[in-house]
Structures are given as C-alpha cells and as structure tokens.
Amino acid sequence: MISVDLTLKYSPMPVSVQRKEKDAAETLYQTIVTAMQGDRPQLLELTCEKQTEKKVAIMSDQISAVIVSEKDGSASAGKVPGFAALGQIVNQG
C-alpha cells in the first residue's frame, strides 16, 4: 500500500488515504500539488483504496504539505515518518 498523507494548516493530525499502486499514488500526488498551486481554492474529494468507505473533502488552500510513502505491515519500527529522517542523515555528516 502507498500512503498519501496531507498536512493541513492549523491541524496537528495528517489526513491519509491509501493507493494500491505506485502509479495511482503518483497521479493523486500530482493532482493535489496542481490544486495547491492554483490561484483559486478547489475542493478535493479523496477516497481510500484500503478502507473503501473512507472519504474526505479538503479545500486545496488548507493543505500545507503532501507526502507519498510506502506503508506495509513489515515496515521497520525504527523508520521515522515524514521528512524527519532526512534531517537525521544530514546531521550525521
């Protein structure tokens, strides 16, 4: 499963939807980024392929970040979500 996580302004919790295929996740990512770059806010209606009953509608101007990552049951416990791991790598050098 590929997870597409959205960080919203003024909200401490991300919104996540999953895609089964990497190409589908990349297409959704590009759709969200395009909406974020637009001059006018758009309503984005997202569904989840893992939990098919899960639906969410978000205004594009409320999204501050979008992250695509692979999620599976065998993910190591030491993995840091988001971009924090990048900071750890840079600080080691």
N, C-alpha and C. Protein backbone atom coordinates (compact mmCIF):
# COMPACT_ATOMS: atom_id res chain seq x y z
N MET A 1 0.84 -1.18 0.00
CA MET A 1 0.00 0.00 0.00
C MET A 1 0.88 1.24 0.00
N ILE A 2 0.46 2.22 -0.76
CA ILE A 2 1.14 3.50 -0.80
C ILE A 2 0.24 4.51 -0.09
N SER A 3 0.79 5.23 0.87
CA SER A 3 0.03 6.20 1.63
C SER A 3 0.29 7.61 1.10
N VAL A 4 -0.78 8.37 0.94
CA VAL A 4 -0.69 9.77 0.57
C VAL A 4 -1.19 10.55 1.78
N ASP A 5 -0.27 11.25 2.45
CA ASP A 5 -0.59 11.97 3.68
C ASP A 5 -0.62 13.47 3.40
N LEU A 6 -1.67 14.12 3.89
CA LEU A 6 -1.81 15.56 3.73
C LEU A 6 -1.69 16.23 5.09
N THR A 7 -0.83 17.22 5.18
CA THR A 7 -0.73 18.03 6.37
C THR A 7 -1.57 19.28 6.13
N LEU A 8 -2.48 19.56 7.05
CA LEU A 8 -3.38 20.68 6.90
C LEU A 8 -2.97 21.83 7.82
N LYS A 9 -3.20 23.04 7.36
CA LYS A 9 -2.94 24.22 8.17
C LYS A 9 -3.82 24.16 9.42
N TYR A 10 -3.27 24.55 10.54
CA TYR A 10 -4.00 24.63 11.81
C TYR A 10 -4.51 23.29 12.32
N SER A 11 -3.96 22.19 11.83
CA SER A 11 -4.39 20.87 12.28
C SER A 11 -3.16 20.03 12.60
N PRO A 12 -3.10 19.47 13.81
CA PRO A 12 -1.93 18.67 14.18
C PRO A 12 -1.93 17.27 13.58
N MET A 13 -3.06 16.80 13.09
CA MET A 13 -3.17 15.44 12.57
C MET A 13 -3.21 15.43 11.05
N PRO A 14 -2.40 14.59 10.42
CA PRO A 14 -2.46 14.48 8.96
C PRO A 14 -3.70 13.72 8.51
N VAL A 15 -4.08 13.92 7.28
CA VAL A 15 -5.15 13.17 6.64
C VAL A 15 -4.48 12.21 5.67
N SER A 16 -4.84 10.93 5.74
CA SER A 16 -4.19 9.92 4.91
C SER A 16 -5.20 9.13 4.10
N VAL A 17 -4.83 8.85 2.86
CA VAL A 17 -5.56 7.90 2.03
C VAL A 17 -4.52 6.97 1.41
N GLN A 18 -4.95 5.78 1.07
CA GLN A 18 -4.02 4.80 0.51
C GLN A 18 -4.39 4.45 -0.92
N ARG A 19 -3.35 4.11 -1.67
CA ARG A 19 -3.49 3.60 -3.03
C ARG A 19 -2.76 2.27 -3.10
N LYS A 20 -3.30 1.35 -3.90
CA LYS A 20 -2.69 0.03 -4.05
C LYS A 20 -1.48 0.07 -4.96
N GLU A 21 -1.50 0.94 -5.95
CA GLU A 21 -0.43 1.01 -6.95
C GLU A 21 0.35 2.31 -6.84
N LYS A 22 1.64 2.22 -7.09
CA LYS A 22 2.51 3.39 -7.04
C LYS A 22 2.10 4.46 -8.06
N ASP A 23 1.71 4.03 -9.26
CA ASP A 23 1.29 4.98 -10.29
C ASP A 23 0.04 5.75 -9.87
N ALA A 24 -0.89 5.08 -9.22
CA ALA A 24 -2.12 5.74 -8.75
C ALA A 24 -1.79 6.76 -7.66
N ALA A 25 -0.85 6.43 -6.79
CA ALA A 25 -0.43 7.35 -5.73
C ALA A 25 0.27 8.57 -6.34
N GLU A 26 1.10 8.35 -7.35
CA GLU A 26 1.80 9.46 -8.02
C GLU A 26 0.80 10.36 -8.73
N THR A 27 -0.21 9.79 -9.37
CA THR A 27 -1.23 10.58 -10.04
C THR A 27 -1.99 11.44 -9.04
N LEU A 28 -2.36 10.85 -7.89
CA LEU A 28 -3.05 11.61 -6.85
C LEU A 28 -2.15 12.72 -6.32
N TYR A 29 -0.88 12.43 -6.09
CA TYR A 29 0.08 13.44 -5.62
C TYR A 29 0.12 14.62 -6.59
N GLN A 30 0.24 14.33 -7.88
CA GLN A 30 0.31 15.41 -8.88
C GLN A 30 -0.99 16.22 -8.91
N THR A 31 -2.13 15.56 -8.75
CA THR A 31 -3.42 16.25 -8.71
C THR A 31 -3.48 17.22 -7.53
N ILE A 32 -3.02 16.76 -6.38
CA ILE A 32 -3.03 17.60 -5.18
C ILE A 32 -2.08 18.78 -5.32
N VAL A 33 -0.87 18.52 -5.81
CA VAL A 33 0.11 19.60 -5.99
C VAL A 33 -0.41 20.64 -6.98
N THR A 34 -1.01 20.21 -8.07
CA THR A 34 -1.58 21.13 -9.05
C THR A 34 -2.67 21.99 -8.40
N ALA A 35 -3.51 21.37 -7.60
CA ALA A 35 -4.57 22.13 -6.91
C ALA A 35 -3.98 23.13 -5.92
N MET A 36 -2.91 22.75 -5.23
CA MET A 36 -2.25 23.65 -4.28
C MET A 36 -1.64 24.85 -4.99
N GLN A 37 -1.16 24.66 -6.21
CA GLN A 37 -0.51 25.73 -6.96
C GLN A 37 -1.51 26.68 -7.62
N GLY A 38 -2.76 26.28 -7.70
CA GLY A 38 -3.77 27.09 -8.38
C GLY A 38 -4.05 28.40 -7.66
N ASP A 39 -4.56 29.35 -8.43
CA ASP A 39 -4.89 30.67 -7.88
C ASP A 39 -6.15 30.65 -7.03
N ARG A 40 -7.06 29.74 -7.32
CA ARG A 40 -8.32 29.67 -6.60
C ARG A 40 -8.40 28.36 -5.84
N PRO A 41 -8.92 28.39 -4.61
CA PRO A 41 -9.08 27.15 -3.85
C PRO A 41 -10.03 26.19 -4.56
N GLN A 42 -9.69 24.91 -4.48
CA GLN A 42 -10.53 23.86 -5.07
C GLN A 42 -10.91 22.86 -3.98
N LEU A 43 -12.07 22.30 -4.12
CA LEU A 43 -12.48 21.23 -3.22
C LEU A 43 -11.96 19.91 -3.78
N LEU A 44 -11.14 19.23 -2.99
CA LEU A 44 -10.60 17.94 -3.39
C LEU A 44 -11.34 16.86 -2.61
N GLU A 45 -11.96 15.95 -3.32
CA GLU A 45 -12.66 14.83 -2.69
C GLU A 45 -11.80 13.58 -2.89
N LEU A 46 -11.35 13.02 -1.78
CA LEU A 46 -10.44 11.87 -1.82
C LEU A 46 -11.11 10.65 -1.23
N THR A 47 -10.78 9.50 -1.79
CA THR A 47 -11.23 8.22 -1.27
C THR A 47 -10.01 7.36 -0.98
N CYS A 48 -10.23 6.30 -0.26
CA CYS A 48 -9.15 5.41 0.15
C CYS A 48 -9.38 4.03 -0.46
N GLU A 49 -8.33 3.44 -1.03
CA GLU A 49 -8.46 2.11 -1.60
C GLU A 49 -8.32 1.01 -0.56
N LYS A 50 -7.76 1.33 0.59
CA LYS A 50 -7.64 0.33 1.65
C LYS A 50 -8.94 0.24 2.45
N GLN A 51 -9.47 1.38 2.85
CA GLN A 51 -10.75 1.45 3.56
C GLN A 51 -11.73 2.12 2.60
N THR A 52 -12.43 1.33 1.83
CA THR A 52 -13.24 1.87 0.74
C THR A 52 -14.37 2.78 1.20
N GLU A 53 -14.78 2.67 2.45
CA GLU A 53 -15.83 3.55 2.97
C GLU A 53 -15.28 4.91 3.41
N LYS A 54 -13.97 5.07 3.46
CA LYS A 54 -13.33 6.31 3.91
C LYS A 54 -13.35 7.34 2.79
N LYS A 55 -13.92 8.52 3.10
CA LYS A 55 -13.95 9.65 2.16
C LYS A 55 -13.60 10.92 2.91
N VAL A 56 -12.95 11.84 2.23
CA VAL A 56 -12.63 13.13 2.84
C VAL A 56 -12.67 14.20 1.75
N ALA A 57 -13.15 15.38 2.11
CA ALA A 57 -13.16 16.53 1.20
C ALA A 57 -12.36 17.64 1.86
N ILE A 58 -11.41 18.19 1.12
CA ILE A 58 -10.48 19.19 1.67
C ILE A 58 -10.35 20.33 0.67
N MET A 59 -10.31 21.55 1.19
CA MET A 59 -10.04 22.71 0.34
C MET A 59 -8.53 22.78 0.07
N SER A 60 -8.17 22.96 -1.18
CA SER A 60 -6.75 22.93 -1.57
C SER A 60 -5.91 24.00 -0.89
N ASP A 61 -6.51 25.13 -0.53
CA ASP A 61 -5.73 26.19 0.11
C ASP A 61 -5.44 25.89 1.59
N GLN A 62 -5.98 24.81 2.13
CA GLN A 62 -5.73 24.42 3.51
C GLN A 62 -4.63 23.36 3.64
N ILE A 63 -4.09 22.91 2.51
CA ILE A 63 -3.05 21.89 2.51
C ILE A 63 -1.69 22.58 2.58
N SER A 64 -0.87 22.18 3.55
CA SER A 64 0.47 22.76 3.65
C SER A 64 1.55 21.81 3.15
N ALA A 65 1.27 20.51 3.10
CA ALA A 65 2.25 19.54 2.60
C ALA A 65 1.55 18.27 2.17
N VAL A 66 2.16 17.59 1.21
CA VAL A 66 1.67 16.27 0.78
C VAL A 66 2.88 15.34 0.73
N ILE A 67 2.72 14.16 1.32
CA ILE A 67 3.81 13.20 1.41
C ILE A 67 3.32 11.86 0.87
N VAL A 68 4.10 11.25 0.00
CA VAL A 68 3.79 9.92 -0.53
C VAL A 68 4.84 8.96 0.04
N SER A 69 4.36 7.88 0.65
CA SER A 69 5.29 6.90 1.22
C SER A 69 4.69 5.52 1.16
N GLU A 70 5.56 4.53 1.10
CA GLU A 70 5.10 3.14 1.06
C GLU A 70 4.85 2.67 2.48
N LYS A 71 3.68 2.11 2.69
CA LYS A 71 3.31 1.59 4.01
C LYS A 71 2.98 0.13 3.85
N ASP A 72 3.55 -0.69 4.72
CA ASP A 72 3.17 -2.10 4.74
C ASP A 72 3.34 -2.64 6.14
N GLY A 73 2.86 -3.82 6.36
CA GLY A 73 2.91 -4.42 7.68
C GLY A 73 4.31 -4.75 8.14
N SER A 74 5.26 -4.84 7.20
CA SER A 74 6.62 -5.21 7.57
C SER A 74 7.55 -4.01 7.71
N ALA A 75 6.98 -2.80 7.74
CA ALA A 75 7.81 -1.59 7.89
C ALA A 75 8.54 -1.65 9.22
N SER A 76 9.78 -1.26 9.21
CA SER A 76 10.57 -1.34 10.43
C SER A 76 10.11 -0.30 11.44
N ALA A 77 10.18 -0.65 12.71
CA ALA A 77 9.74 0.25 13.78
C ALA A 77 10.64 1.46 13.89
N GLY A 78 11.86 1.38 13.40
CA GLY A 78 12.80 2.49 13.51
C GLY A 78 12.61 3.57 12.46
N LYS A 79 11.75 3.34 11.48
CA LYS A 79 11.52 4.33 10.44
C LYS A 79 10.80 5.55 11.01
N VAL A 80 11.29 6.71 10.68
CA VAL A 80 10.67 7.94 11.12
C VAL A 80 9.75 8.43 10.02
N PRO A 81 8.47 8.72 10.32
CA PRO A 81 7.56 9.19 9.29
C PRO A 81 7.92 10.60 8.83
N GLY A 82 7.50 10.93 7.63
CA GLY A 82 7.71 12.29 7.13
C GLY A 82 9.14 12.54 6.71
N PHE A 83 9.57 13.77 6.94
CA PHE A 83 10.89 14.19 6.49
C PHE A 83 11.91 14.27 7.61
N ALA A 84 11.57 13.86 8.82
CA ALA A 84 12.49 13.93 9.94
C ALA A 84 13.73 13.08 9.70
N ALA A 85 13.59 11.98 9.01
CA ALA A 85 14.73 11.10 8.74
C ALA A 85 15.78 11.80 7.91
N LEU A 86 15.37 12.67 7.01
CA LEU A 86 16.32 13.42 6.19
C LEU A 86 17.19 14.31 7.06
N GLY A 87 16.60 14.95 8.06
CA GLY A 87 17.36 15.79 8.98
C GLY A 87 18.37 14.99 9.76
N GLN A 88 18.05 13.75 10.11
CA GLN A 88 18.98 12.89 10.83
C GLN A 88 20.17 12.53 9.96
N ILE A 89 19.94 12.29 8.68
CA ILE A 89 21.02 11.93 7.77
C ILE A 89 21.95 13.13 7.56
N VAL A 90 21.39 14.30 7.36
CA VAL A 90 22.19 15.50 7.14
C VAL A 90 23.05 15.82 8.36
N ASN A 91 22.51 15.66 9.56
CA ASN A 91 23.24 15.99 10.78
C ASN A 91 24.37 15.03 11.08
N GLN A 92 24.35 13.84 10.49
CA GLN A 92 25.40 12.86 10.74
C GLN A 92 26.68 13.20 10.00
N GLY A 93 26.57 13.93 8.91
CA GLY A 93 27.70 14.17 8.03
C GLY A 93 28.67 15.12 8.56
